[in-house]
N, C-alpha and C. Protein backbone atom coordinates (compact mmCIF):
# COMPACT_ATOMS: atom_id res chain seq x y z
N MET A 1 0.86 -1.18 0.00
CA MET A 1 0.00 0.00 0.00
C MET A 1 0.90 1.25 0.00
N SER A 2 0.60 2.16 -0.91
CA SER A 2 1.40 3.39 -0.99
C SER A 2 1.04 4.31 0.17
N ILE A 3 1.87 5.30 0.37
CA ILE A 3 1.62 6.26 1.44
C ILE A 3 0.32 7.02 1.18
N LEU A 4 0.04 7.34 -0.09
CA LEU A 4 -1.20 8.03 -0.44
C LEU A 4 -2.41 7.15 -0.14
N ASP A 5 -2.33 5.88 -0.50
CA ASP A 5 -3.42 4.95 -0.19
C ASP A 5 -3.64 4.85 1.31
N SER A 6 -2.57 4.90 2.06
CA SER A 6 -2.65 4.84 3.52
C SER A 6 -3.40 6.06 4.08
N PHE A 7 -3.07 7.24 3.54
CA PHE A 7 -3.76 8.46 3.98
C PHE A 7 -5.24 8.43 3.63
N VAL A 8 -5.55 7.97 2.42
CA VAL A 8 -6.94 7.89 1.98
C VAL A 8 -7.71 6.92 2.87
N ASP A 9 -7.11 5.80 3.17
CA ASP A 9 -7.75 4.81 4.04
C ASP A 9 -8.04 5.38 5.43
N LYS A 10 -7.08 6.11 5.98
CA LYS A 10 -7.28 6.74 7.29
C LYS A 10 -8.40 7.77 7.24
N ALA A 11 -8.45 8.55 6.17
CA ALA A 11 -9.51 9.56 6.03
C ALA A 11 -10.88 8.90 5.96
N ARG A 12 -10.99 7.83 5.22
CA ARG A 12 -12.27 7.10 5.10
C ARG A 12 -12.75 6.61 6.47
N ARG A 13 -11.84 6.07 7.24
CA ARG A 13 -12.21 5.53 8.56
C ARG A 13 -12.65 6.62 9.52
N ARG A 14 -12.15 7.85 9.34
CA ARG A 14 -12.48 8.93 10.27
C ARG A 14 -13.77 9.66 9.91
N ALA A 15 -14.32 9.43 8.73
CA ALA A 15 -15.57 10.06 8.29
C ALA A 15 -15.52 11.59 8.47
N LEU A 16 -14.52 12.20 7.85
CA LEU A 16 -14.30 13.64 7.99
C LEU A 16 -15.14 14.45 7.02
N SER A 17 -15.32 15.72 7.36
CA SER A 17 -15.89 16.69 6.44
C SER A 17 -14.76 17.58 5.97
N VAL A 18 -14.86 18.03 4.72
CA VAL A 18 -13.85 18.92 4.15
C VAL A 18 -14.57 20.13 3.57
N VAL A 19 -14.18 21.33 4.01
CA VAL A 19 -14.77 22.57 3.51
C VAL A 19 -13.93 23.06 2.34
N LEU A 20 -14.61 23.28 1.22
CA LEU A 20 -13.95 23.76 0.00
C LEU A 20 -14.54 25.13 -0.34
N PRO A 21 -13.81 26.20 -0.08
CA PRO A 21 -14.39 27.55 -0.20
C PRO A 21 -14.47 28.13 -1.61
N GLU A 22 -13.84 27.52 -2.59
CA GLU A 22 -13.84 28.09 -3.94
C GLU A 22 -14.87 27.40 -4.82
N GLY A 23 -16.14 27.49 -4.46
CA GLY A 23 -17.21 26.76 -5.14
C GLY A 23 -17.46 27.15 -6.57
N LYS A 24 -16.96 28.29 -7.02
CA LYS A 24 -17.19 28.66 -8.42
C LYS A 24 -16.12 28.08 -9.36
N ASP A 25 -15.16 27.36 -8.80
CA ASP A 25 -14.09 26.74 -9.59
C ASP A 25 -14.50 25.30 -9.92
N GLU A 26 -14.58 24.98 -11.20
CA GLU A 26 -15.03 23.66 -11.61
C GLU A 26 -14.12 22.55 -11.09
N ARG A 27 -12.83 22.83 -10.92
CA ARG A 27 -11.91 21.81 -10.39
C ARG A 27 -12.25 21.47 -8.94
N ILE A 28 -12.68 22.48 -8.19
CA ILE A 28 -13.04 22.27 -6.78
C ILE A 28 -14.31 21.43 -6.69
N VAL A 29 -15.29 21.75 -7.54
CA VAL A 29 -16.54 20.98 -7.53
C VAL A 29 -16.29 19.54 -7.97
N ALA A 30 -15.43 19.35 -8.96
CA ALA A 30 -15.07 17.99 -9.39
C ALA A 30 -14.36 17.24 -8.26
N ALA A 31 -13.51 17.93 -7.52
CA ALA A 31 -12.82 17.30 -6.38
C ALA A 31 -13.82 16.92 -5.29
N ALA A 32 -14.80 17.78 -5.05
CA ALA A 32 -15.84 17.47 -4.06
C ALA A 32 -16.60 16.21 -4.47
N ARG A 33 -16.92 16.12 -5.74
CA ARG A 33 -17.63 14.94 -6.25
C ARG A 33 -16.80 13.68 -6.02
N ARG A 34 -15.50 13.79 -6.30
CA ARG A 34 -14.61 12.63 -6.13
C ARG A 34 -14.49 12.23 -4.66
N LEU A 35 -14.36 13.22 -3.77
CA LEU A 35 -14.30 12.92 -2.34
C LEU A 35 -15.53 12.15 -1.89
N LEU A 36 -16.68 12.57 -2.36
CA LEU A 36 -17.93 11.92 -1.98
C LEU A 36 -18.04 10.53 -2.61
N ASP A 37 -17.81 10.46 -3.92
CA ASP A 37 -17.96 9.19 -4.64
C ASP A 37 -17.01 8.10 -4.13
N GLU A 38 -15.81 8.51 -3.75
CA GLU A 38 -14.83 7.53 -3.27
C GLU A 38 -14.90 7.31 -1.76
N GLY A 39 -15.85 7.99 -1.10
CA GLY A 39 -16.03 7.80 0.33
C GLY A 39 -14.89 8.31 1.18
N ILE A 40 -14.14 9.26 0.65
CA ILE A 40 -12.98 9.77 1.37
C ILE A 40 -13.39 10.76 2.45
N ALA A 41 -14.34 11.65 2.13
CA ALA A 41 -14.80 12.67 3.07
C ALA A 41 -16.12 13.23 2.58
N GLN A 42 -16.82 13.90 3.48
CA GLN A 42 -18.06 14.60 3.13
C GLN A 42 -17.70 16.03 2.76
N PRO A 43 -17.79 16.39 1.48
CA PRO A 43 -17.42 17.76 1.08
C PRO A 43 -18.53 18.77 1.38
N ILE A 44 -18.10 19.97 1.74
CA ILE A 44 -19.00 21.10 1.91
C ILE A 44 -18.44 22.20 1.02
N VAL A 45 -19.15 22.52 -0.05
CA VAL A 45 -18.68 23.49 -1.02
C VAL A 45 -19.32 24.84 -0.72
N LEU A 46 -18.48 25.86 -0.55
CA LEU A 46 -18.97 27.20 -0.22
C LEU A 46 -19.04 28.09 -1.45
N GLY A 47 -20.06 28.93 -1.48
CA GLY A 47 -20.21 29.89 -2.56
C GLY A 47 -21.67 30.09 -2.88
N ARG A 48 -21.92 30.95 -3.85
CA ARG A 48 -23.30 31.16 -4.30
C ARG A 48 -23.77 29.91 -5.04
N VAL A 49 -24.99 29.51 -4.78
CA VAL A 49 -25.52 28.28 -5.35
C VAL A 49 -25.47 28.31 -6.87
N ASP A 50 -25.82 29.44 -7.49
CA ASP A 50 -25.81 29.50 -8.95
C ASP A 50 -24.40 29.32 -9.51
N GLU A 51 -23.39 29.87 -8.82
CA GLU A 51 -22.01 29.71 -9.27
C GLU A 51 -21.52 28.27 -9.10
N ILE A 52 -21.93 27.64 -8.02
CA ILE A 52 -21.55 26.23 -7.78
C ILE A 52 -22.20 25.34 -8.83
N GLU A 53 -23.47 25.59 -9.12
CA GLU A 53 -24.17 24.81 -10.14
C GLU A 53 -23.52 24.98 -11.51
N GLN A 54 -23.13 26.21 -11.84
CA GLN A 54 -22.47 26.48 -13.11
C GLN A 54 -21.12 25.75 -13.18
N ALA A 55 -20.38 25.75 -12.09
CA ALA A 55 -19.09 25.06 -12.05
C ALA A 55 -19.29 23.55 -12.20
N ALA A 56 -20.32 23.01 -11.57
CA ALA A 56 -20.61 21.58 -11.69
C ALA A 56 -20.95 21.22 -13.12
N LYS A 57 -21.73 22.07 -13.75
CA LYS A 57 -22.09 21.83 -15.16
C LYS A 57 -20.85 21.86 -16.04
N ALA A 58 -19.98 22.85 -15.82
CA ALA A 58 -18.75 22.97 -16.60
C ALA A 58 -17.84 21.77 -16.37
N ALA A 59 -17.84 21.24 -15.14
CA ALA A 59 -17.00 20.08 -14.82
C ALA A 59 -17.63 18.77 -15.25
N GLY A 60 -18.93 18.81 -15.57
CA GLY A 60 -19.62 17.60 -15.98
C GLY A 60 -19.89 16.65 -14.84
N VAL A 61 -20.12 17.19 -13.64
CA VAL A 61 -20.38 16.35 -12.47
C VAL A 61 -21.70 16.75 -11.83
N PRO A 62 -22.43 15.78 -11.28
CA PRO A 62 -23.67 16.10 -10.57
C PRO A 62 -23.37 16.59 -9.15
N LEU A 63 -24.27 17.39 -8.61
CA LEU A 63 -24.11 17.91 -7.25
C LEU A 63 -24.85 17.07 -6.21
N GLU A 64 -25.62 16.08 -6.64
CA GLU A 64 -26.39 15.28 -5.69
C GLU A 64 -25.50 14.71 -4.60
N GLY A 65 -25.89 14.96 -3.37
CA GLY A 65 -25.13 14.46 -2.22
C GLY A 65 -24.03 15.39 -1.74
N VAL A 66 -23.65 16.36 -2.57
CA VAL A 66 -22.61 17.32 -2.18
C VAL A 66 -23.29 18.46 -1.46
N ARG A 67 -22.89 18.71 -0.23
CA ARG A 67 -23.47 19.81 0.54
C ARG A 67 -22.91 21.13 0.03
N THR A 68 -23.81 22.08 -0.23
CA THR A 68 -23.39 23.42 -0.65
C THR A 68 -23.91 24.41 0.37
N LEU A 69 -23.18 25.50 0.53
CA LEU A 69 -23.55 26.50 1.51
C LEU A 69 -23.11 27.87 1.03
N ASP A 70 -24.03 28.81 1.02
CA ASP A 70 -23.71 30.19 0.66
C ASP A 70 -23.49 30.96 1.96
N PRO A 71 -22.25 31.35 2.27
CA PRO A 71 -21.97 32.07 3.51
C PRO A 71 -22.81 33.34 3.69
N ALA A 72 -23.08 34.04 2.59
CA ALA A 72 -23.85 35.28 2.69
C ALA A 72 -25.29 35.03 3.10
N ALA A 73 -25.78 33.81 2.92
CA ALA A 73 -27.15 33.48 3.27
C ALA A 73 -27.22 32.55 4.50
N SER A 74 -26.12 32.34 5.16
CA SER A 74 -26.06 31.42 6.29
C SER A 74 -26.82 31.93 7.50
N ASP A 75 -27.51 31.04 8.17
CA ASP A 75 -28.21 31.40 9.40
C ASP A 75 -27.23 31.59 10.56
N LYS A 76 -25.97 31.26 10.36
CA LYS A 76 -24.95 31.43 11.41
C LYS A 76 -24.14 32.71 11.23
N LEU A 77 -24.48 33.49 10.23
CA LEU A 77 -23.71 34.69 9.89
C LEU A 77 -23.62 35.66 11.07
N ASP A 78 -24.73 35.94 11.73
CA ASP A 78 -24.72 36.88 12.86
C ASP A 78 -23.87 36.35 14.02
N ALA A 79 -24.01 35.08 14.31
CA ALA A 79 -23.23 34.49 15.41
C ALA A 79 -21.74 34.51 15.10
N TYR A 80 -21.38 34.18 13.87
CA TYR A 80 -19.97 34.20 13.49
C TYR A 80 -19.41 35.62 13.50
N THR A 81 -20.24 36.58 13.09
CA THR A 81 -19.81 37.98 13.11
C THR A 81 -19.56 38.44 14.54
N ARG A 82 -20.48 38.13 15.44
CA ARG A 82 -20.30 38.51 16.85
C ARG A 82 -19.04 37.86 17.43
N SER A 83 -18.85 36.62 17.11
CA SER A 83 -17.67 35.90 17.61
C SER A 83 -16.39 36.53 17.09
N TYR A 84 -16.39 36.92 15.82
CA TYR A 84 -15.20 37.52 15.23
C TYR A 84 -14.89 38.89 15.83
N VAL A 85 -15.91 39.66 16.16
CA VAL A 85 -15.73 41.01 16.72
C VAL A 85 -15.19 40.95 18.14
N GLN A 86 -15.56 39.91 18.89
CA GLN A 86 -15.14 39.81 20.29
C GLN A 86 -13.63 39.89 20.43
N GLY A 87 -13.21 40.77 21.31
CA GLY A 87 -11.79 40.91 21.63
C GLY A 87 -10.98 41.63 20.57
N ARG A 88 -11.65 42.20 19.57
CA ARG A 88 -10.95 42.93 18.52
C ARG A 88 -11.50 44.34 18.44
N ASP A 89 -10.67 45.24 18.05
CA ASP A 89 -11.10 46.62 17.82
C ASP A 89 -11.56 46.69 16.36
N LEU A 90 -12.78 46.21 16.13
CA LEU A 90 -13.27 46.04 14.77
C LEU A 90 -14.74 46.42 14.69
N ASP A 91 -15.09 47.13 13.66
CA ASP A 91 -16.48 47.51 13.41
C ASP A 91 -17.28 46.27 12.99
N ALA A 92 -18.49 46.15 13.49
CA ALA A 92 -19.32 44.98 13.19
C ALA A 92 -19.63 44.87 11.70
N LYS A 93 -19.77 46.00 11.02
CA LYS A 93 -20.06 45.96 9.58
C LYS A 93 -18.88 45.38 8.80
N VAL A 94 -17.69 45.75 9.21
CA VAL A 94 -16.48 45.21 8.57
C VAL A 94 -16.40 43.71 8.83
N ALA A 95 -16.65 43.31 10.06
CA ALA A 95 -16.61 41.89 10.42
C ALA A 95 -17.64 41.10 9.61
N ALA A 96 -18.85 41.65 9.46
CA ALA A 96 -19.89 40.97 8.70
C ALA A 96 -19.48 40.79 7.24
N ARG A 97 -18.82 41.79 6.66
CA ARG A 97 -18.34 41.66 5.27
C ARG A 97 -17.29 40.55 5.18
N MET A 98 -16.42 40.49 6.16
CA MET A 98 -15.38 39.46 6.15
C MET A 98 -15.99 38.06 6.24
N VAL A 99 -16.92 37.89 7.16
CA VAL A 99 -17.50 36.57 7.42
C VAL A 99 -18.32 36.08 6.24
N ARG A 100 -18.81 36.97 5.41
CA ARG A 100 -19.57 36.57 4.21
C ARG A 100 -18.68 35.98 3.12
N LYS A 101 -17.39 36.23 3.17
CA LYS A 101 -16.48 35.72 2.16
C LYS A 101 -16.25 34.22 2.38
N PRO A 102 -16.43 33.42 1.33
CA PRO A 102 -16.31 31.96 1.50
C PRO A 102 -15.00 31.51 2.12
N LEU A 103 -13.88 32.07 1.70
CA LEU A 103 -12.60 31.64 2.26
C LEU A 103 -12.52 31.91 3.75
N PHE A 104 -12.99 33.07 4.17
CA PHE A 104 -12.97 33.45 5.57
C PHE A 104 -14.00 32.62 6.35
N TYR A 105 -15.20 32.48 5.81
CA TYR A 105 -16.27 31.72 6.45
C TYR A 105 -15.83 30.26 6.67
N GLY A 106 -15.17 29.71 5.67
CA GLY A 106 -14.71 28.33 5.77
C GLY A 106 -13.73 28.10 6.91
N GLY A 107 -12.92 29.12 7.18
CA GLY A 107 -11.95 29.02 8.27
C GLY A 107 -12.62 29.05 9.62
């Protein structure tokens, strides 16, 4: 068994989720599909739903079973914004703009 096969096997046994923040990139959506199809991890693709759907179409992969999430429409946006502002000298509006960004939200 190669080292890569060993890592994949360990990931499968741990039933991990993987957040992929660049949902408008067809390569990312194709990778999410592969993670799901091969049972490696449960992908969560971030971005606007229309952009993710367009990327899936361009990649030629279905989105069924792939969890998608638009940070700007998340019900956790207010809580994440409050959490980010705590202990920082930061305006809440600036924090809210940051948290809406998929890369930041994913972190």
